[in-house]
Protein backbone atom coordinates (compact mmCIF):
# COMPACT_ATOMS: atom_id res chain seq x y z
CA MET A 1 151.05 81.89 113.10
CA ILE A 2 147.85 80.28 112.00
CA SER A 3 145.15 80.21 114.56
CA LYS A 4 143.82 77.03 115.74
CA THR A 5 141.17 78.68 117.53
CA ILE A 6 137.94 79.11 115.49
CA ASN A 7 135.66 82.05 116.11
CA ARG A 8 132.10 80.48 115.80
CA THR A 9 130.54 83.88 114.79
CA ILE A 10 128.87 84.48 111.55
CA TYR A 11 129.15 88.21 110.32
CA ALA A 12 126.65 89.82 107.83
CA LEU A 13 127.08 93.45 106.60
CA TRP A 14 124.45 96.00 105.87
CA LEU A 15 126.25 99.25 105.33
CA GLY A 16 124.08 101.58 103.16
CA ASP A 17 121.14 103.72 104.24
CA GLU A 18 118.51 101.52 102.76
CA VAL A 19 115.84 99.98 105.10
CA MET A 20 116.14 96.14 105.41
CA ASN A 21 113.16 94.45 104.31
CA ASP A 22 111.42 91.38 105.74
CA ASP A 23 113.30 88.74 103.71
CA ARG A 24 116.48 90.29 104.57
CA LYS A 25 115.63 90.53 108.37
CA ASN A 26 114.56 86.89 108.18
CA SER A 27 117.89 85.75 106.50
CA ILE A 28 119.81 87.35 109.35
CA ASN A 29 117.56 85.66 111.91
CA ASN A 30 118.11 82.40 110.27
CA LEU A 31 121.72 82.39 110.71
CA GLY A 32 121.65 81.26 114.29
CA VAL A 33 122.46 82.66 117.69
CA ASN A 34 126.08 83.48 117.16
CA ARG A 35 125.48 86.18 114.44
CA ILE A 36 126.52 89.80 114.18
CA LEU A 37 125.20 92.26 111.78
CA ILE A 38 127.46 95.16 111.03
CA THR A 39 126.17 98.54 109.86
CA LYS A 40 127.56 101.91 109.36
CA HIS A 41 126.34 102.57 113.08
CA ASN A 42 128.16 99.77 114.92
CA ILE A 43 131.21 99.23 112.61
CA HIS A 44 133.44 101.18 114.85
CA GLU A 45 132.93 98.33 117.40
CA TYR A 46 134.70 95.99 115.15
CA VAL A 47 137.64 98.12 113.71
CA LEU A 48 140.64 97.67 115.70
CA ASP A 49 142.62 100.59 117.00
CA ASN A 50 146.05 99.67 115.68
CA HIS A 51 144.43 98.43 112.30
CA PRO A 52 142.15 101.21 111.01
CA LEU A 53 140.27 100.80 107.91
CA HIS A 54 141.99 101.55 104.67
CA PRO A 55 141.71 105.28 103.76
CA ALA A 56 139.91 104.39 100.61
CA TYR A 57 137.13 102.74 102.55
CA GLN A 58 134.89 106.23 102.68
CA TYR A 59 135.20 106.63 99.00
CA LEU A 60 133.91 103.06 98.05
CA SER A 61 130.47 101.95 96.99
CA THR A 62 128.31 100.00 99.41
CA VAL A 63 129.14 96.90 97.61
CA HIS A 64 132.82 97.40 97.51
CA LYS A 65 132.70 98.36 101.43
CA SER A 66 131.14 94.96 101.85
CA ASP A 67 133.85 93.25 99.80
CA TYR A 68 136.64 95.19 101.68
CA LEU A 69 135.02 94.58 105.23
CA ARG A 70 134.48 90.74 104.76
CA SER A 71 138.30 90.34 104.17
CA TYR A 72 139.23 92.61 107.05
CA LEU A 73 136.87 90.50 109.37
CA MET A 74 138.18 87.17 108.35
CA TYR A 75 141.86 88.42 108.45
CA HIS A 76 141.55 90.00 112.05
CA TYR A 77 138.59 87.85 113.58
CA GLY A 78 138.15 84.91 111.30
CA GLY A 79 134.62 82.99 111.55
CA GLY A 80 131.73 82.96 109.17
CA TYR A 81 130.72 85.43 106.56
CA SER A 82 127.18 85.47 105.10
CA ASP A 83 125.39 87.54 102.46
CA VAL A 84 122.23 89.06 103.56
CA LYS A 85 120.15 86.44 101.53
CA TYR A 86 118.20 83.60 102.86
CA THR A 87 120.02 80.14 102.99
CA ASN A 88 119.60 76.78 104.61
CA ILE A 89 123.14 76.46 105.04
CA ASN A 90 124.43 74.12 107.99
CA TRP A 91 126.85 76.58 109.66
CA GLU A 92 127.51 74.16 112.60
CA GLU A 93 128.70 71.61 110.10
CA GLY A 94 131.27 73.97 108.55
CA PHE A 95 132.47 75.20 111.96
CA ASP A 96 132.95 71.61 112.90
CA LYS A 97 134.72 70.76 109.63
CA ILE A 98 137.28 73.55 110.11
CA ASP A 99 137.70 73.03 113.72
CA LYS A 100 138.61 69.51 113.50
CA ASN A 101 141.17 69.80 110.70
CA ASP A 102 144.06 72.20 111.02
CA ASN A 103 144.87 71.90 107.36
CA ILE A 104 141.43 73.60 106.51
CA MET A 105 141.79 77.45 105.90
CA MET A 106 138.35 77.97 104.39
CA VAL A 107 135.19 75.99 104.21
CA GLY A 108 131.96 76.99 102.45
CA ILE A 109 129.56 75.83 99.64
CA LYS A 110 130.20 74.90 96.22
CA THR A 111 130.35 77.54 93.65
CA SER A 112 129.44 77.10 89.94
CA PHE A 113 130.81 77.97 86.48
CA GLY A 114 128.30 80.62 85.84
CA HIS A 115 128.29 81.99 89.38
CA THR A 116 132.18 82.40 89.25
CA TYR A 117 132.15 84.25 86.07
CA ALA A 118 129.63 86.65 86.63
CA GLY A 119 131.25 89.99 86.10
CA ILE A 120 134.82 89.02 86.10
CA GLU A 121 136.91 91.15 84.03
CA GLU A 122 140.47 91.15 84.71
CA TRP A 123 141.77 87.43 84.71
CA SER A 124 144.73 86.11 82.52
CA GLU A 125 144.13 83.29 80.28
CA ASP A 126 146.16 80.91 82.48
CA THR A 127 144.20 82.19 85.72
CA LYS A 128 140.72 81.52 83.75
CA ASN A 129 141.89 78.06 82.73
CA ASN A 130 142.93 77.04 86.27
CA ILE A 131 139.81 78.00 87.70
CA ILE A 132 137.87 76.21 85.20
CA LEU A 133 139.86 73.10 85.94
CA ASN A 134 139.11 73.51 89.67
CA ILE A 135 135.65 74.91 89.56
CA GLY A 136 134.24 71.91 91.24
CA LYS A 137 136.36 72.54 94.40
CA LEU A 138 135.99 76.27 95.01
CA CYS A 139 133.62 77.92 97.45
CA VAL A 140 131.19 80.64 96.55
CA MET A 141 132.05 84.27 97.70
CA GLY A 142 128.65 84.92 99.86
CA TRP A 143 128.81 82.12 102.61
CA PHE A 144 132.03 80.87 104.04
CA ILE A 145 134.01 80.26 106.97
CA CYS A 146 137.93 81.24 107.39
CA ARG A 147 140.60 80.71 109.67
CA PRO A 148 142.08 83.98 110.75
CA LYS A 149 145.75 84.79 109.87
CA SER A 150 145.93 81.67 107.60
CA PRO A 151 147.94 82.19 104.45
CA ILE A 152 144.87 82.59 102.05
CA VAL A 153 143.41 85.22 104.23
CA ILE A 154 146.85 87.07 104.58
CA GLU A 155 147.26 87.10 100.83
CA TRP A 156 143.62 88.24 100.30
CA TYR A 157 143.91 91.12 102.70
CA ASN A 158 147.15 92.13 101.62
CA GLU A 159 146.23 92.24 97.75
CA LEU A 160 142.99 94.11 98.49
CA ASN A 161 144.82 96.60 100.49
CA ARG A 162 147.59 96.86 97.50
CA ARG A 163 144.73 97.34 94.97
CA LEU A 164 143.15 100.06 97.26
CA ASP A 165 146.55 102.02 97.68
CA ILE A 166 146.84 102.19 93.86
CA TYR A 167 143.12 103.35 93.34
CA LEU A 168 142.95 105.85 96.30
CA PRO A 169 144.11 108.93 94.19
CA LYS A 170 141.15 108.26 91.62
CA LEU A 171 138.84 107.46 94.47
CA ILE A 172 139.45 110.64 96.10
CA ILE A 173 138.58 112.57 92.95
CA ASN A 174 135.75 110.25 92.00
CA PRO A 175 134.15 108.68 95.17
CA SER A 176 131.18 106.42 94.95
CA LYS A 177 127.65 108.03 94.80
CA PHE A 178 125.65 104.86 94.29
CA THR A 179 125.18 101.68 96.37
CA ARG A 180 126.11 99.31 93.31
CA GLU A 181 128.33 101.67 91.34
CA CYS A 182 130.97 100.11 89.42
CA PHE A 183 133.46 100.41 86.30
CA ILE A 184 132.55 98.29 83.45
CA PRO A 185 135.42 97.48 81.18
CA SER A 186 133.12 96.19 78.19
CA LEU A 187 131.41 99.59 78.31
CA GLY A 188 134.28 101.74 78.88
CA HIS A 189 132.85 103.58 81.81
CA ALA A 190 131.33 103.44 85.28
CA TYR A 191 127.66 103.10 85.93
CA ASP A 192 125.40 103.16 88.85
CA GLY A 193 124.97 99.29 88.70
CA PRO A 194 126.65 96.45 87.37
CA SER A 195 126.11 95.63 83.55
CA TRP A 196 123.65 92.82 84.25
CA GLU A 197 121.49 95.04 86.23
CA LEU A 198 121.48 97.99 84.20
CA LYS A 199 117.81 99.38 83.25
CA THR A 200 116.78 101.73 80.58
CA LYS A 201 118.17 104.55 82.61
CA LYS A 202 122.04 104.44 83.16
CA ILE A 203 123.71 106.91 85.03
CA ARG A 204 127.20 107.39 83.90
CA THR A 205 129.95 108.09 86.53
CA ASP A 206 133.81 108.38 86.84
CA TYR A 207 133.92 105.85 89.64
CA PRO A 208 137.08 103.81 88.91
CA LEU A 209 136.48 100.25 90.46
CA SER A 210 135.14 97.39 88.51
CA TRP A 211 132.70 95.12 90.19
CA ASN A 212 134.84 92.14 91.35
CA ILE A 213 138.26 93.83 91.64
CA LEU A 214 138.32 93.80 95.43
CA LEU A 215 136.54 90.30 95.99
CA SER A 216 136.34 87.51 93.12
CA GLN A 217 139.28 88.64 91.20
CA ILE A 218 141.24 88.01 94.23
CA LEU A 219 139.81 85.44 96.21
CA TYR A 220 138.99 82.77 93.48
CA PRO A 221 142.55 82.55 92.28
CA LEU A 222 143.87 82.34 95.87
CA GLN A 223 141.42 79.39 96.40
CA VAL A 224 142.99 77.62 93.45
CA LYS A 225 146.49 78.30 94.82
CA TYR A 226 145.49 76.79 98.02
CA ILE A 227 143.02 74.20 96.56
CA ASN A 228 144.36 71.40 99.08
CA ASN A 229 143.30 73.76 102.14
CA ILE A 230 139.74 74.39 100.79
CA ASP A 231 136.66 72.25 101.78
CA ASN A 232 133.24 73.24 99.88
CA THR A 233 131.27 70.47 101.03
CA MET A 234 129.28 72.38 103.71
CA SER A 235 125.77 71.40 103.11
CA GLY A 236 123.15 73.90 101.89
CA HIS A 237 122.72 76.67 99.52
CA ARG A 238 120.84 79.78 98.80
CA VAL A 239 117.14 79.55 98.80
């Protein structure tokens, strides 16, 4: 049953060992009063006893852990999700939109063609064309609000777990060693960062997951499927 009660909490994730700089701290503080920063030190407080994390979680890169957890949180809790980057988004406006309209499953800010396609590797031509056709109606991946247990969130969570089931044997053998590690299909191997961030020095690895396999490759096509239940008119943007 779809929840009609909206959790007006905004979740942010900082799951690595890196020290958060002042800009990141300011971005968290800017989210408002009802915010929760989840780290590797307090994650246990939000993992439900009867719904443990997927066995593959411990082998994921920090980026892919974030991709997994935002789905886990939206499925079980709902509410807002924010990347740890400074924005001027009007979150209360977004919560009001989804709270007043039971038909809305997801509220966010408008994505763009360039942002949507950054790092996308594994869409069929039909899927790409459908996304291009609806690009102006989709929400960006980094800032949104979801209704828990809604069809889009259920399908997102189930497909993510299905993919992790498939990749678990490879992840056990080749767990992540780097924060932004990912397999790059165009280069035929994994490296310590995505292709657009690779510097002169590239550390080659056997990590099996491509950059967007757990997030954009799943959630953008689902937004198209549920296009009539998406609202991307929340005001604000990344500063």
